[in-house]
Amino acid sequence: MDLKVIRYFIEIVDAGGFGKASEIVHLTQPALSKAVRQLELELDLILLERGKRGTHVKLTPAGEVVYRHGKDLLAGRQRMLAELTAQRSLTAGELKLGLAPLGSAEIFAPIIAKYRQQYPQIDMHLLVRGGRTNRSDPKR
C-alpha cells in the first residue's frame, strides 16, 4: 500500500470530491480516480460512494476505516521525518563517550562543557573506566 495513494484518498475525502482534490495534489481527476480504484482493488473493498462526475464522494464503512488509519499513517510519517531531521540537525539524540580515568577530566572537561552548551538537547552519557588486561591471554 502506497502512502502517496493514501494521501490522495484522504485529500479526496477532505475536499469532498475528486475535482477539488486534484487541484490540491496537482493531479488530474482521472489519475486520482485511477489511484483510488487501484487501492480499492488492492483491498478488495469499495471505499467511496461516488456522485456524478466525481463532484461528491461519501465514505463507505470500509472507507471510514481506511481514512482513519490513513490519517494515523501519514501523521506517523510526519513524526518520523521530524525526528530524523532533529537527529541530523543535532537538536535531539544521544552521545555516548568512553574516557580513560587518568587525565581525561582535565583534557575533555572544557570540550564537553562547550558541546553541552552548544547542543543542550543531546543526551550525553560518559563512561570512565580504566584499561583491562587479560592475564590469561597467550599473546601477552
Protein backbone atom coordinates (compact mmCIF):
# COMPACT_ATOMS: atom_id res chain seq x y z
CA MET A 1 0.00 0.00 0.00
CA ASP A 2 1.49 3.29 -1.13
CA LEU A 3 1.35 6.21 1.31
CA LYS A 4 1.04 8.59 -1.62
CA VAL A 5 -2.23 6.92 -2.65
CA ILE A 6 -3.43 7.02 0.96
CA ARG A 7 -2.70 10.76 0.94
CA TYR A 8 -4.67 11.18 -2.29
CA PHE A 9 -7.58 9.25 -0.80
CA ILE A 10 -7.60 11.45 2.30
CA GLU A 11 -7.39 14.63 0.20
CA ILE A 12 -10.37 13.46 -1.88
CA VAL A 13 -12.43 12.85 1.24
CA ASP A 14 -11.36 16.11 2.91
CA ALA A 15 -12.05 18.12 -0.26
CA GLY A 16 -15.40 16.41 -0.75
CA GLY A 17 -14.63 15.23 -4.26
CA PHE A 18 -12.09 14.48 -6.96
CA GLY A 19 -12.21 17.91 -8.59
CA LYS A 20 -11.10 19.95 -5.61
CA ALA A 21 -8.62 17.28 -4.54
CA SER A 22 -7.00 17.27 -7.97
CA GLU A 23 -6.17 20.96 -7.54
CA ILE A 24 -4.67 20.31 -4.10
CA VAL A 25 -2.45 17.35 -5.08
CA HIS A 26 -1.76 18.64 -8.61
CA LEU A 27 -3.02 15.54 -10.42
CA THR A 28 -5.78 15.16 -12.94
CA GLN A 29 -9.14 13.80 -11.85
CA PRO A 30 -8.69 10.63 -13.95
CA ALA A 31 -5.29 10.00 -12.33
CA LEU A 32 -6.80 10.37 -8.85
CA SER A 33 -9.72 8.16 -9.76
CA LYS A 34 -7.34 5.50 -11.08
CA ALA A 35 -5.23 5.66 -7.89
CA VAL A 36 -8.28 5.18 -5.67
CA ARG A 37 -9.60 2.40 -7.89
CA GLN A 38 -6.22 0.62 -7.56
CA LEU A 39 -6.41 1.00 -3.78
CA GLU A 40 -9.93 -0.43 -3.78
CA LEU A 41 -8.78 -3.35 -5.93
CA GLU A 42 -5.81 -3.98 -3.65
CA LEU A 43 -8.07 -4.05 -0.60
CA ASP A 44 -10.92 -5.76 -2.47
CA LEU A 45 -13.31 -3.19 -0.99
CA ILE A 46 -15.28 -0.17 -2.14
CA LEU A 47 -14.05 2.85 -0.19
CA LEU A 48 -16.06 5.69 -1.73
CA GLU A 49 -19.58 6.16 -2.97
CA ARG A 50 -19.10 8.46 -5.93
CA GLY A 51 -21.51 11.14 -7.06
CA LYS A 52 -21.91 12.19 -10.68
CA ARG A 53 -18.60 13.07 -12.32
CA GLY A 54 -16.70 12.86 -9.02
CA THR A 55 -18.22 16.06 -7.69
CA HIS A 56 -19.29 14.48 -4.42
CA VAL A 57 -17.97 11.47 -2.52
CA LYS A 58 -19.12 9.68 0.59
CA LEU A 59 -17.14 7.20 2.64
CA THR A 60 -18.32 3.63 2.87
CA PRO A 61 -17.84 1.86 6.23
CA ALA A 62 -14.60 0.35 4.85
CA GLY A 63 -13.59 3.79 3.60
CA GLU A 64 -14.03 5.18 7.09
CA VAL A 65 -11.59 2.60 8.42
CA VAL A 66 -9.03 3.35 5.69
CA TYR A 67 -9.49 7.09 6.20
CA ARG A 68 -8.97 6.89 9.97
CA HIS A 69 -5.93 4.63 9.77
CA GLY A 70 -4.58 6.53 6.78
CA LYS A 71 -4.57 9.74 8.84
CA ASP A 72 -2.62 7.90 11.55
CA LEU A 73 -0.13 6.55 8.99
CA LEU A 74 0.51 9.99 7.50
CA ALA A 75 0.83 11.57 10.94
CA GLY A 76 3.31 8.83 11.92
CA ARG A 77 5.31 9.51 8.79
CA GLN A 78 5.45 13.22 9.66
CA ARG A 79 6.59 12.45 13.21
CA MET A 80 9.28 10.10 11.88
CA LEU A 81 10.58 12.71 9.42
CA ALA A 82 10.62 15.39 12.13
CA GLU A 83 12.56 13.11 14.46
CA LEU A 84 15.09 12.27 11.76
CA THR A 85 15.50 15.96 10.95
CA ALA A 86 16.11 16.66 14.64
CA GLN A 87 18.79 13.98 14.73
CA ARG A 88 20.51 15.33 11.63
CA SER A 89 20.48 18.88 12.96
CA LEU A 90 21.67 17.79 16.41
CA THR A 91 18.56 19.08 18.15
CA ALA A 92 17.84 15.61 19.53
CA GLY A 93 19.72 12.39 20.09
CA GLU A 94 22.27 10.74 22.28
CA LEU A 95 26.05 10.85 22.55
CA LYS A 96 27.98 8.14 24.41
CA LEU A 97 31.63 8.72 25.29
CA GLY A 98 34.14 6.41 26.89
CA LEU A 99 37.06 8.06 28.66
CA ALA A 100 40.14 6.81 30.43
CA PRO A 101 40.25 7.74 34.14
CA LEU A 102 43.70 9.36 34.17
CA GLY A 103 43.85 12.89 32.83
CA SER A 104 40.54 12.72 30.96
CA ALA A 105 38.76 15.22 33.19
CA GLU A 106 41.39 17.90 32.63
CA ILE A 107 41.63 17.31 28.91
CA PHE A 108 37.99 16.77 27.97
CA ALA A 109 36.04 18.85 30.54
CA PRO A 110 36.25 22.12 28.55
CA ILE A 111 35.34 20.34 25.30
CA ILE A 112 32.39 18.53 26.90
CA ALA A 113 31.18 21.76 28.54
CA LYS A 114 31.29 23.59 25.21
CA TYR A 115 29.46 20.73 23.47
CA ARG A 116 26.75 20.66 26.18
CA GLN A 117 26.33 24.43 25.83
CA GLN A 118 26.05 24.22 22.05
CA TYR A 119 23.81 21.12 21.96
CA PRO A 120 21.74 21.08 25.18
CA GLN A 121 19.08 18.78 23.70
CA ILE A 122 21.57 15.94 23.15
CA ASP A 123 21.65 13.42 25.99
CA MET A 124 25.26 12.77 26.91
CA HIS A 125 26.45 9.61 28.66
CA LEU A 126 30.03 9.46 29.91
CA LEU A 127 31.69 6.22 30.89
CA VAL A 128 35.02 6.46 32.68
CA ARG A 129 36.90 3.19 33.05
CA GLY A 130 40.45 2.05 33.16
CA GLY A 131 42.08 -0.34 30.75
CA ARG A 132 41.54 -4.01 31.28
CA THR A 133 44.15 -6.67 30.66
CA ASN A 134 43.54 -10.34 30.29
CA ARG A 135 46.40 -12.15 32.03
CA SER A 136 45.39 -15.48 30.53
CA ASP A 137 45.90 -14.11 27.01
CA PRO A 138 48.71 -16.23 25.47
CA LYS A 139 49.77 -13.32 23.21
CA ARG A 140 50.94 -11.22 26.19
